[in-house]
Amino acid sequence: MGIILQGDHYVFAEEVGAQANEDVDEDDQEAPMPDPTNVAGSSQPPPQYSLESISRQIEMMATMQQTRMDEMMAFHNRRYEEINSHLHEIDVKLAKMYIPDSDDES
């Protein structure tokens, strides 16, 4: 807790800090406000955000998704046929290997 000379008066050091903070607050309040005209800019949305552009982007995304789904289904069908073919070959080979016993015929 110190006392300092400020002008012709002696003041506590804590009061000088408090006065400095008050001066800063007053300076903030006294700052002139900028002219509000043209602050927001153009009222026209940028071209990439127009309704027409967004609709086109959505259509492109839907087309890409449909293409991807078609490719996946084609791959699935090819793989299904390939596995079915292998299983059929295994079934045929097992049938050729099977020799019925005489007990099985009754």
PDB file of N, CA and C in Angstrom:
ATOM      1  N   MET A   1       0.856  -1.164   0.000  1.00  0.00           N
ATOM      2  CA  MET A   1       0.000   0.000   0.000  1.00  0.00           C
ATOM      3  C   MET A   1       0.900   1.223   0.000  1.00  0.00           C
ATOM      4  N   GLY A   2       1.029   1.792  -1.200  1.00  0.00           N
ATOM      5  CA  GLY A   2       1.924   2.928  -1.311  1.00  0.00           C
ATOM      6  C   GLY A   2       1.177   4.197  -1.653  1.00  0.00           C
ATOM      7  N   ILE A   3       1.841   5.269  -1.364  1.00  0.00           N
ATOM      8  CA  ILE A   3       1.274   6.582  -1.675  1.00  0.00           C
ATOM      9  C   ILE A   3       2.186   7.203  -2.720  1.00  0.00           C
ATOM     10  N   ILE A   4       1.585   7.715  -3.780  1.00  0.00           N
ATOM     11  CA  ILE A   4       2.388   8.319  -4.840  1.00  0.00           C
ATOM     12  C   ILE A   4       1.888   9.728  -5.103  1.00  0.00           C
ATOM     13  N   LEU A   5       2.793  10.540  -5.643  1.00  0.00           N
ATOM     14  CA  LEU A   5       2.463  11.924  -5.959  1.00  0.00           C
ATOM     15  C   LEU A   5       1.870  11.976  -7.355  1.00  0.00           C
ATOM     16  N   GLN A   6       0.667  12.538  -7.459  1.00  0.00           N
ATOM     17  CA  GLN A   6       0.018  12.681  -8.760  1.00  0.00           C
ATOM     18  C   GLN A   6      -0.381  14.149  -8.882  1.00  0.00           C
ATOM     19  N   GLY A   7       0.371  14.870  -9.677  1.00  0.00           N
ATOM     20  CA  GLY A   7       0.137  16.308  -9.770  1.00  0.00           C
ATOM     21  C   GLY A   7       0.532  16.979  -8.461  1.00  0.00           C
ATOM     22  N   ASP A   8      -0.396  17.729  -7.827  1.00  0.00           N
ATOM     23  CA  ASP A   8      -0.144  18.392  -6.551  1.00  0.00           C
ATOM     24  C   ASP A   8      -0.658  17.564  -5.389  1.00  0.00           C
ATOM     25  N   HIS A   9      -1.184  16.370  -5.647  1.00  0.00           N
ATOM     26  CA  HIS A   9      -1.811  15.566  -4.594  1.00  0.00           C
ATOM     27  C   HIS A   9      -1.079  14.253  -4.415  1.00  0.00           C
ATOM     28  N   TYR A  10      -1.199  13.720  -3.225  1.00  0.00           N
ATOM     29  CA  TYR A  10      -0.718  12.374  -2.932  1.00  0.00           C
ATOM     30  C   TYR A  10      -1.924  11.428  -2.983  1.00  0.00           C
ATOM     31  N   VAL A  11      -1.767  10.310  -3.670  1.00  0.00           N
ATOM     32  CA  VAL A  11      -2.869   9.364  -3.826  1.00  0.00           C
ATOM     33  C   VAL A  11      -2.359   7.956  -3.545  1.00  0.00           C
ATOM     34  N   PHE A  12      -3.289   7.073  -3.095  1.00  0.00           N
ATOM     35  CA  PHE A  12      -2.936   5.667  -2.915  1.00  0.00           C
ATOM     36  C   PHE A  12      -2.696   5.035  -4.291  1.00  0.00           C
ATOM     37  N   ALA A  13      -1.747   4.113  -4.352  1.00  0.00           N
ATOM     38  CA  ALA A  13      -1.397   3.466  -5.623  1.00  0.00           C
ATOM     39  C   ALA A  13      -2.573   2.667  -6.185  1.00  0.00           C
ATOM     40  N   GLU A  14      -3.377   2.050  -5.303  1.00  0.00           N
ATOM     41  CA  GLU A  14      -4.537   1.268  -5.762  1.00  0.00           C
ATOM     42  C   GLU A  14      -5.555   2.161  -6.465  1.00  0.00           C
ATOM     43  N   GLU A  15      -5.701   3.404  -6.004  1.00  0.00           N
ATOM     44  CA  GLU A  15      -6.660   4.313  -6.625  1.00  0.00           C
ATOM     45  C   GLU A  15      -6.209   4.726  -8.024  1.00  0.00           C
ATOM     46  N   VAL A  16      -4.893   4.827  -8.215  1.00  0.00           N
ATOM     47  CA  VAL A  16      -4.378   5.193  -9.540  1.00  0.00           C
ATOM     48  C   VAL A  16      -4.713   4.094 -10.538  1.00  0.00           C
ATOM     49  N   GLY A  17      -4.544   2.815 -10.130  1.00  0.00           N
ATOM     50  CA  GLY A  17      -4.889   1.691 -11.015  1.00  0.00           C
ATOM     51  C   GLY A  17      -6.368   1.672 -11.327  1.00  0.00           C
ATOM     52  N   ALA A  18      -7.204   1.941 -10.312  1.00  0.00           N
ATOM     53  CA  ALA A  18      -8.652   1.949 -10.522  1.00  0.00           C
ATOM     54  C   ALA A  18      -9.050   3.089 -11.445  1.00  0.00           C
ATOM     55  N   GLN A  19      -8.415   4.263 -11.274  1.00  0.00           N
ATOM     56  CA  GLN A  19      -8.724   5.400 -12.145  1.00  0.00           C
ATOM     57  C   GLN A  19      -8.297   5.111 -13.582  1.00  0.00           C
ATOM     58  N   ALA A  20      -7.168   4.439 -13.742  1.00  0.00           N
ATOM     59  CA  ALA A  20      -6.708   4.108 -15.094  1.00  0.00           C
ATOM     60  C   ALA A  20      -7.704   3.182 -15.778  1.00  0.00           C
ATOM     61  N   ASN A  21      -8.235   2.196 -15.027  1.00  0.00           N
ATOM     62  CA  ASN A  21      -9.238   1.286 -15.594  1.00  0.00           C
ATOM     63  C   ASN A  21     -10.505   2.030 -15.962  1.00  0.00           C
ATOM     64  N   GLU A  22     -10.912   2.998 -15.105  1.00  0.00           N
ATOM     65  CA  GLU A  22     -12.112   3.778 -15.410  1.00  0.00           C
ATOM     66  C   GLU A  22     -11.890   4.620 -16.656  1.00  0.00           C
ATOM     67  N   ASP A  23     -10.667   5.168 -16.809  1.00  0.00           N
ATOM     68  CA  ASP A  23     -10.362   5.970 -17.988  1.00  0.00           C
ATOM     69  C   ASP A  23     -10.457   5.128 -19.256  1.00  0.00           C
ATOM     70  N   VAL A  24      -9.980   3.893 -19.183  1.00  0.00           N
ATOM     71  CA  VAL A  24     -10.048   2.997 -20.340  1.00  0.00           C
ATOM     72  C   VAL A  24     -11.499   2.718 -20.696  1.00  0.00           C
ATOM     73  N   ASP A  25     -12.350   2.442 -19.681  1.00  0.00           N
ATOM     74  CA  ASP A  25     -13.767   2.188 -19.935  1.00  0.00           C
ATOM     75  C   ASP A  25     -14.431   3.403 -20.567  1.00  0.00           C
ATOM     76  N   GLU A  26     -14.093   4.614 -20.064  1.00  0.00           N
ATOM     77  CA  GLU A  26     -14.681   5.822 -20.629  1.00  0.00           C
ATOM     78  C   GLU A  26     -14.226   6.012 -22.072  1.00  0.00           C
ATOM     79  N   ASP A  27     -12.960   5.690 -22.359  1.00  0.00           N
ATOM     80  CA  ASP A  27     -12.462   5.819 -23.722  1.00  0.00           C
ATOM     81  C   ASP A  27     -13.215   4.883 -24.663  1.00  0.00           C
ATOM     82  N   ASP A  28     -13.509   3.673 -24.180  1.00  0.00           N
ATOM     83  CA  ASP A  28     -14.256   2.724 -25.003  1.00  0.00           C
ATOM     84  C   ASP A  28     -15.650   3.240 -25.303  1.00  0.00           C
ATOM     85  N   GLN A  29     -16.269   3.879 -24.303  1.00  0.00           N
ATOM     86  CA  GLN A  29     -17.630   4.369 -24.494  1.00  0.00           C
ATOM     87  C   GLN A  29     -17.657   5.586 -25.408  1.00  0.00           C
ATOM     88  N   GLU A  30     -16.582   6.362 -25.411  1.00  0.00           N
ATOM     89  CA  GLU A  30     -16.554   7.579 -26.208  1.00  0.00           C
ATOM     90  C   GLU A  30     -16.084   7.337 -27.634  1.00  0.00           C
ATOM     91  N   ALA A  31     -15.698   6.125 -27.963  1.00  0.00           N
ATOM     92  CA  ALA A  31     -15.219   5.838 -29.315  1.00  0.00           C
ATOM     93  C   ALA A  31     -16.358   6.037 -30.302  1.00  0.00           C
ATOM     94  N   PRO A  32     -16.094   6.740 -31.407  1.00  0.00           N
ATOM     95  CA  PRO A  32     -17.168   6.987 -32.380  1.00  0.00           C
ATOM     96  C   PRO A  32     -17.570   5.691 -33.082  1.00  0.00           C
ATOM     97  N   MET A  33     -18.851   5.559 -33.313  1.00  0.00           N
ATOM     98  CA  MET A  33     -19.372   4.389 -34.010  1.00  0.00           C
ATOM     99  C   MET A  33     -19.195   4.602 -35.514  1.00  0.00           C
ATOM    100  N   PRO A  34     -18.831   3.559 -36.245  1.00  0.00           N
ATOM    101  CA  PRO A  34     -18.704   3.716 -37.701  1.00  0.00           C
ATOM    102  C   PRO A  34     -20.074   3.922 -38.332  1.00  0.00           C
ATOM    103  N   ASP A  35     -20.055   4.540 -39.475  1.00  0.00           N
ATOM    104  CA  ASP A  35     -21.294   4.781 -40.205  1.00  0.00           C
ATOM    105  C   ASP A  35     -21.893   3.439 -40.624  1.00  0.00           C
ATOM    106  N   PRO A  36     -23.149   3.140 -40.263  1.00  0.00           N
ATOM    107  CA  PRO A  36     -23.717   1.816 -40.516  1.00  0.00           C
ATOM    108  C   PRO A  36     -24.093   1.541 -41.969  1.00  0.00           C
ATOM    109  N   THR A  37     -24.012   2.519 -42.847  1.00  0.00           N
ATOM    110  CA  THR A  37     -24.387   2.273 -44.238  1.00  0.00           C
ATOM    111  C   THR A  37     -23.371   1.370 -44.915  1.00  0.00           C
ATOM    112  N   ASN A  38     -23.870   0.437 -45.708  1.00  0.00           N
ATOM    113  CA  ASN A  38     -23.059  -0.516 -46.474  1.00  0.00           C
ATOM    114  C   ASN A  38     -22.177  -1.401 -45.604  1.00  0.00           C
ATOM    115  N   VAL A  39     -22.574  -1.612 -44.386  1.00  0.00           N
ATOM    116  CA  VAL A  39     -21.797  -2.481 -43.505  1.00  0.00           C
ATOM    117  C   VAL A  39     -22.005  -3.935 -43.902  1.00  0.00           C
ATOM    118  N   ALA A  40     -23.242  -4.301 -44.223  1.00  0.00           N
ATOM    119  CA  ALA A  40     -23.563  -5.691 -44.527  1.00  0.00           C
ATOM    120  C   ALA A  40     -23.107  -6.101 -45.920  1.00  0.00           C
ATOM    121  N   GLY A  41     -22.871  -5.170 -46.773  1.00  0.00           N
ATOM    122  CA  GLY A  41     -22.450  -5.521 -48.123  1.00  0.00           C
ATOM    123  C   GLY A  41     -23.650  -5.779 -49.017  1.00  0.00           C
ATOM    124  N   SER A  42     -23.414  -6.491 -50.083  1.00  0.00           N
ATOM    125  CA  SER A  42     -24.442  -6.750 -51.077  1.00  0.00           C
ATOM    126  C   SER A  42     -25.518  -7.681 -50.522  1.00  0.00           C
ATOM    127  N   SER A  43     -26.754  -7.431 -50.914  1.00  0.00           N
ATOM    128  CA  SER A  43     -27.838  -8.316 -50.481  1.00  0.00           C
ATOM    129  C   SER A  43     -27.963  -9.532 -51.392  1.00  0.00           C
ATOM    130  N   GLN A  44     -27.208  -9.562 -52.479  1.00  0.00           N
ATOM    131  CA  GLN A  44     -27.232 -10.704 -53.392  1.00  0.00           C
ATOM    132  C   GLN A  44     -26.324 -11.804 -52.854  1.00  0.00           C
ATOM    133  N   PRO A  45     -26.813 -13.045 -52.781  1.00  0.00           N
ATOM    134  CA  PRO A  45     -25.943 -14.132 -52.307  1.00  0.00           C
ATOM    135  C   PRO A  45     -24.867 -14.434 -53.344  1.00  0.00           C
ATOM    136  N   PRO A  46     -23.726 -14.929 -52.890  1.00  0.00           N
ATOM    137  CA  PRO A  46     -22.686 -15.313 -53.856  1.00  0.00           C
ATOM    138  C   PRO A  46     -23.220 -16.382 -54.804  1.00  0.00           C
ATOM    139  N   PRO A  47     -22.669 -16.485 -56.000  1.00  0.00           N
ATOM    140  CA  PRO A  47     -23.209 -17.432 -56.992  1.00  0.00           C
ATOM    141  C   PRO A  47     -23.198 -18.882 -56.523  1.00  0.00           C
ATOM    142  N   GLN A  48     -22.236 -19.265 -55.689  1.00  0.00           N
ATOM    143  CA  GLN A  48     -22.195 -20.666 -55.258  1.00  0.00           C
ATOM    144  C   GLN A  48     -23.308 -20.990 -54.266  1.00  0.00           C
ATOM    145  N   TYR A  49     -24.019 -19.979 -53.752  1.00  0.00           N
ATOM    146  CA  TYR A  49     -25.095 -20.229 -52.804  1.00  0.00           C
ATOM    147  C   TYR A  49     -26.474 -19.929 -53.386  1.00  0.00           C
ATOM    148  N   SER A  50     -26.567 -19.709 -54.668  1.00  0.00           N
ATOM    149  CA  SER A  50     -27.873 -19.424 -55.251  1.00  0.00           C
ATOM    150  C   SER A  50     -28.717 -20.697 -55.247  1.00  0.00           C
ATOM    151  N   LEU A  51     -30.013 -20.538 -55.264  1.00  0.00           N
ATOM    152  CA  LEU A  51     -30.937 -21.672 -55.231  1.00  0.00           C
ATOM    153  C   LEU A  51     -30.715 -22.584 -56.436  1.00  0.00           C
ATOM    154  N   GLU A  52     -30.459 -21.997 -57.562  1.00  0.00           N
ATOM    155  CA  GLU A  52     -30.215 -22.772 -58.783  1.00  0.00           C
ATOM    156  C   GLU A  52     -28.942 -23.606 -58.646  1.00  0.00           C
ATOM    157  N   SER A  53     -27.902 -23.006 -58.101  1.00  0.00           N
ATOM    158  CA  SER A  53     -26.633 -23.714 -57.925  1.00  0.00           C
ATOM    159  C   SER A  53     -26.770 -24.842 -56.908  1.00  0.00           C
ATOM    160  N   ILE A  54     -27.465 -24.573 -55.822  1.00  0.00           N
ATOM    161  CA  ILE A  54     -27.645 -25.604 -54.790  1.00  0.00           C
ATOM    162  C   ILE A  54     -28.467 -26.758 -55.343  1.00  0.00           C
ATOM    163  N   SER A  55     -29.508 -26.458 -56.117  1.00  0.00           N
ATOM    164  CA  SER A  55     -30.320 -27.516 -56.731  1.00  0.00           C
ATOM    165  C   SER A  55     -29.469 -28.375 -57.655  1.00  0.00           C
ATOM    166  N   ARG A  56     -28.612 -27.729 -58.436  1.00  0.00           N
ATOM    167  CA  ARG A  56     -27.735 -28.465 -59.348  1.00  0.00           C
ATOM    168  C   ARG A  56     -26.757 -29.342 -58.562  1.00  0.00           C
ATOM    169  N   GLN A  57     -26.222 -28.819 -57.468  1.00  0.00           N
ATOM    170  CA  GLN A  57     -25.298 -29.600 -56.643  1.00  0.00           C
ATOM    171  C   GLN A  57     -25.993 -30.805 -56.024  1.00  0.00           C
ATOM    172  N   ILE A  58     -27.234 -30.618 -55.575  1.00  0.00           N
ATOM    173  CA  ILE A  58     -27.990 -31.733 -54.986  1.00  0.00           C
ATOM    174  C   ILE A  58     -28.257 -32.799 -56.044  1.00  0.00           C
ATOM    175  N   GLU A  59     -28.626 -32.378 -57.251  1.00  0.00           N
ATOM    176  CA  GLU A  59     -28.852 -33.341 -58.336  1.00  0.00           C
ATOM    177  C   GLU A  59     -27.578 -34.111 -58.662  1.00  0.00           C
ATOM    178  N   MET A  60     -26.447 -33.412 -58.697  1.00  0.00           N
ATOM    179  CA  MET A  60     -25.168 -34.078 -58.974  1.00  0.00           C
ATOM    180  C   MET A  60     -24.839 -35.090 -57.883  1.00  0.00           C
ATOM    181  N   MET A  61     -25.080 -34.714 -56.636  1.00  0.00           N
ATOM    182  CA  MET A  61     -24.809 -35.634 -55.527  1.00  0.00           C
ATOM    183  C   MET A  61     -25.715 -36.856 -55.611  1.00  0.00           C
ATOM    184  N   ALA A  62     -26.989 -36.651 -55.936  1.00  0.00           N
ATOM    185  CA  ALA A  62     -27.920 -37.774 -56.052  1.00  0.00           C
ATOM    186  C   ALA A  62     -27.509 -38.700 -57.196  1.00  0.00           C
ATOM    187  N   THR A  63     -27.080 -38.118 -58.311  1.00  0.00           N
ATOM    188  CA  THR A  63     -26.623 -38.925 -59.446  1.00  0.00           C
ATOM    189  C   THR A  63     -25.386 -39.728 -59.077  1.00  0.00           C
ATOM    190  N   MET A  64     -24.445 -39.075 -58.399  1.00  0.00           N
ATOM    191  CA  MET A  64     -23.226 -39.779 -57.979  1.00  0.00           C
ATOM    192  C   MET A  64     -23.557 -40.909 -57.013  1.00  0.00           C
ATOM    193  N   GLN A  65     -24.490 -40.648 -56.099  1.00  0.00           N
ATOM    194  CA  GLN A  65     -24.875 -41.681 -55.140  1.00  0.00           C
ATOM    195  C   GLN A  65     -25.556 -42.846 -55.854  1.00  0.00           C
ATOM    196  N   GLN A  66     -26.436 -42.549 -56.808  1.00  0.00           N
ATOM    197  CA  GLN A  66     -27.116 -43.609 -57.551  1.00  0.00           C
ATOM    198  C   GLN A  66     -26.116 -44.423 -58.364  1.00  0.00           C
ATOM    199  N   THR A  67     -25.149 -43.744 -58.981  1.00  0.00           N
ATOM    200  CA  THR A  67     -24.110 -44.441 -59.744  1.00  0.00           C
ATOM    201  C   THR A  67     -23.321 -45.365 -58.834  1.00  0.00           C
ATOM    202  N   ARG A  68     -22.969 -44.871 -57.679  1.00  0.00           N
ATOM    203  CA  ARG A  68     -22.208 -45.682 -56.713  1.00  0.00           C
ATOM    204  C   ARG A  68     -23.033 -46.885 -56.258  1.00  0.00           C
ATOM    205  N   MET A  69     -24.318 -46.686 -56.005  1.00  0.00           N
ATOM    206  CA  MET A  69     -25.178 -47.799 -55.592  1.00  0.00           C
ATOM    207  C   MET A  69     -25.290 -48.831 -56.716  1.00  0.00           C
ATOM    208  N   ASP A  70     -25.412 -48.367 -57.961  1.00  0.00           N
ATOM    209  CA  ASP A  70     -25.481 -49.290 -59.102  1.00  0.00           C
ATOM    210  C   ASP A  70     -24.196 -50.107 -59.226  1.00  0.00           C
ATOM    211  N   GLU A  71     -23.049 -49.435 -59.045  1.00  0.00           N
ATOM    212  CA  GLU A  71     -21.770 -50.149 -59.097  1.00  0.00           C
ATOM    213  C   GLU A  71     -21.676 -51.191 -57.986  1.00  0.00           C
ATOM    214  N   MET A  72     -22.118 -50.826 -56.793  1.00  0.00           N
ATOM    215  CA  MET A  72     -22.066 -51.765 -55.670  1.00  0.00           C
ATOM    216  C   MET A  72     -22.983 -52.959 -55.909  1.00  0.00           C
ATOM    217  N   MET A  73     -24.177 -52.718 -56.459  1.00  0.00           N
ATOM    218  CA  MET A  73     -25.100 -53.819 -56.742  1.00  0.00           C
ATOM    219  C   MET A  73     -24.543 -54.730 -57.836  1.00  0.00           C
ATOM    220  N   ALA A  74     -23.921 -54.145 -58.860  1.00  0.00           N
ATOM    221  CA  ALA A  74     -23.316 -54.956 -59.926  1.00  0.00           C
ATOM    222  C   ALA A  74     -22.191 -55.812 -59.350  1.00  0.00           C
ATOM    223  N   PHE A  75     -21.360 -55.225 -58.493  1.00  0.00           N
ATOM    224  CA  PHE A  75     -20.288 -55.986 -57.853  1.00  0.00           C
ATOM    225  C   PHE A  75     -20.868 -57.100 -56.989  1.00  0.00           C
ATOM    226  N   HIS A  76     -21.921 -56.788 -56.244  1.00  0.00           N
ATOM    227  CA  HIS A  76     -22.569 -57.784 -55.388  1.00  0.00           C
ATOM    228  C   HIS A  76     -23.108 -58.942 -56.231  1.00  0.00           C
ATOM    229  N   ASN A  77     -23.766 -58.619 -57.339  1.00  0.00           N
ATOM    230  CA  ASN A  77     -24.320 -59.670 -58.201  1.00  0.00           C
ATOM    231  C   ASN A  77     -23.225 -60.534 -58.823  1.00  0.00           C
ATOM    232  N   ARG A  78     -22.134 -59.898 -59.284  1.00  0.00           N
ATOM    233  CA  ARG A  78     -21.017 -60.678 -59.835  1.00  0.00           C
ATOM    234  C   ARG A  78     -20.436 -61.601 -58.772  1.00  0.00           C
ATOM    235  N   ARG A  79     -20.239 -61.066 -57.594  1.00  0.00           N
ATOM    236  CA  ARG A  79     -19.668 -61.876 -56.510  1.00  0.00           C
ATOM    237  C   ARG A  79     -20.615 -63.005 -56.123  1.00  0.00           C
ATOM    238  N   TYR A  80     -21.922 -62.729 -56.086  1.00  0.00           N
ATOM    239  CA  TYR A  80     -22.922 -63.744 -55.751  1.00  0.00           C
ATOM    240  C   TYR A  80     -22.877 -64.879 -56.774  1.00  0.00           C
ATOM    241  N   GLU A  81     -22.833 -64.517 -58.066  1.00  0.00           N
ATOM    242  CA  GLU A  81     -22.770 -65.536 -59.122  1.00  0.00           C
ATOM    243  C   GLU A  81     -21.476 -66.342 -59.028  1.00  0.00           C
ATOM    244  N   GLU A  82     -20.376 -65.680 -58.731  1.00  0.00           N
ATOM    245  CA  GLU A  82     -19.090 -66.366 -58.605  1.00  0.00           C
ATOM    246  C   GLU A  82     -19.120 -67.368 -57.450  1.00  0.00           C
ATOM    247  N   ILE A  83     -19.643 -66.954 -56.323  1.00  0.00           N
ATOM    248  CA  ILE A  83     -19.725 -67.856 -55.162  1.00  0.00           C
ATOM    249  C   ILE A  83     -20.681 -69.005 -55.452  1.00  0.00           C
ATOM    250  N   ASN A  84     -21.819 -68.704 -56.092  1.00  0.00           N
ATOM    251  CA  ASN A  84     -22.769 -69.761 -56.459  1.00  0.00           C
ATOM    252  C   ASN A  84     -22.126 -70.776 -57.393  1.00  0.00           C
ATOM    253  N   SER A  85     -21.343 -70.290 -58.338  1.00  0.00           N
ATOM    254  CA  SER A  85     -20.655 -71.174 -59.279  1.00  0.00           C
ATOM    255  C   SER A  85     -19.682 -72.091 -58.537  1.00  0.00           C
ATOM    256  N   HIS A  86     -18.905 -71.529 -57.619  1.00  0.00           N
ATOM    257  CA  HIS A  86     -17.963 -72.343 -56.841  1.00  0.00           C
ATOM    258  C   HIS A  86     -18.692 -73.380 -55.987  1.00  0.00           C
ATOM    259  N   LEU A  87     -19.781 -72.975 -55.362  1.00  0.00           N
ATOM    260  CA  LEU A  87     -20.545 -73.920 -54.536  1.00  0.00           C
ATOM    261  C   LEU A  87     -21.133 -75.041 -55.392  1.00  0.00           C
ATOM    262  N   HIS A  88     -21.603 -74.704 -56.592  1.00  0.00           N
ATOM    263  CA  HIS A  88     -22.151 -75.726 -57.489  1.00  0.00           C
ATOM    264  C   HIS A  88     -21.060 -76.718 -57.895  1.00  0.00           C
ATOM    265  N   GLU A  89     -19.859 -76.201 -58.213  1.00  0.00           N
ATOM    266  CA  GLU A  89     -18.740 -77.086 -58.564  1.00  0.00           C
ATOM    267  C   GLU A  89     -18.386 -78.012 -57.408  1.00  0.00           C
ATOM    268  N   ILE A  90     -18.372 -77.485 -56.207  1.00  0.00           N
ATOM    269  CA  ILE A  90     -18.080 -78.315 -55.025  1.00  0.00           C
ATOM    270  C   ILE A  90     -19.156 -79.375 -54.853  1.00  0.00           C
ATOM    271  N   ASP A  91     -20.412 -78.992 -55.057  1.00  0.00           N
ATOM    272  CA  ASP A  91     -21.523 -79.935 -54.927  1.00  0.00           C
ATOM    273  C   ASP A  91     -21.397 -81.065 -55.954  1.00  0.00           C
ATOM    274  N   VAL A  92     -21.051 -80.723 -57.194  1.00  0.00           N
ATOM    275  CA  VAL A  92     -20.885 -81.729 -58.248  1.00  0.00           C
ATOM    276  C   VAL A  92     -19.742 -82.675 -57.899  1.00  0.00           C
ATOM    277  N   LYS A  93     -18.621 -82.129 -57.446  1.00  0.00           N
ATOM    278  CA  LYS A  93     -17.473 -82.968 -57.080  1.00  0.00           C
ATOM    279  C   LYS A  93     -17.811 -83.901 -55.921  1.00  0.00           C
ATOM    280  N   LEU A  94     -18.540 -83.393 -54.940  1.00  0.00           N
ATOM    281  CA  LEU A  94     -18.946 -84.240 -53.810  1.00  0.00           C
ATOM    282  C   LEU A  94     -19.910 -85.336 -54.264  1.00  0.00           C
ATOM    283  N   ALA A  95     -20.805 -85.007 -55.196  1.00  0.00           N
ATOM    284  CA  ALA A  95     -21.760 -86.006 -55.695  1.00  0.00           C
ATOM    285  C   ALA A  95     -21.037 -87.122 -56.443  1.00  0.00           C
ATOM    286  N   LYS A  96     -19.984 -86.779 -57.181  1.00  0.00           N
ATOM    287  CA  LYS A  96     -19.217 -87.800 -57.898  1.00  0.00           C
ATOM    288  C   LYS A  96     -18.440 -88.688 -56.932  1.00  0.00           C
ATOM    289  N   MET A  97     -18.019 -88.120 -55.814  1.00  0.00           N
ATOM    290  CA  MET A  97     -17.237 -88.892 -54.842  1.00  0.00           C
ATOM    291  C   MET A  97     -18.112 -89.825 -54.005  1.00  0.00           C
ATOM    292  N   TYR A  98     -19.383 -89.530 -53.927  1.00  0.00           N
ATOM    293  CA  TYR A  98     -20.281 -90.301 -53.068  1.00  0.00           C
ATOM    294  C   TYR A  98     -20.605 -91.642 -53.719  1.00  0.00           C
ATOM    295  N   ILE A  99     -20.315 -92.721 -53.036  1.00  0.00           N
ATOM    296  CA  ILE A  99     -20.653 -94.068 -53.494  1.00  0.00           C
ATOM    297  C   ILE A  99     -21.609 -94.633 -52.455  1.00  0.00           C
ATOM    298  N   PRO A 100     -22.842 -94.884 -52.851  1.00  0.00           N
ATOM    299  CA  PRO A 100     -23.807 -95.366 -51.853  1.00  0.00           C
ATOM    300  C   PRO A 100     -23.446 -96.765 -51.361  1.00  0.00           C
ATOM    301  N   ASP A 101     -23.592 -96.965 -50.074  1.00  0.00           N
ATOM    302  CA  ASP A 101     -23.406 -98.299 -49.486  1.00  0.00           C
ATOM    303  C   ASP A 101     -24.642 -99.136 -49.775  1.00  0.00           C
ATOM    304  N   SER A 102     -24.489-100.428 -49.649  1.00  0.00           N
ATOM    305  CA  SER A 102     -25.632-101.317 -49.866  1.00  0.00           C
ATOM    306  C   SER A 102     -26.686-101.116 -48.782  1.00  0.00           C
ATOM    307  N   ASP A 103     -26.281-100.650 -47.590  1.00  0.00           N
ATOM    308  CA  ASP A 103     -27.236-100.414 -46.500  1.00  0.00           C
ATOM    309  C   ASP A 103     -28.095 -99.182 -46.771  1.00  0.00           C
ATOM    310  N   ASP A 104     -27.578 -98.232 -47.522  1.00  0.00           N
ATOM    311  CA  ASP A 104     -28.298 -96.990 -47.777  1.00  0.00           C
ATOM    312  C   ASP A 104     -29.459 -97.187 -48.742  1.00  0.00           C
ATOM    313  N   GLU A 105     -29.423 -98.245 -49.580  1.00  0.00           N
ATOM    314  CA  GLU A 105     -30.458 -98.440 -50.587  1.00  0.00           C
ATOM    315  C   GLU A 105     -31.778 -98.898 -49.989  1.00  0.00           C
ATOM    316  N   SER A 106     -31.795 -99.440 -48.790  1.00  0.00           N
ATOM    317  CA  SER A 106     -33.047 -99.934 -48.251  1.00  0.00           C
ATOM    318  C   SER A 106     -33.887 -98.895 -47.654  1.00  0.00           C
TER     319      SER A 106
END
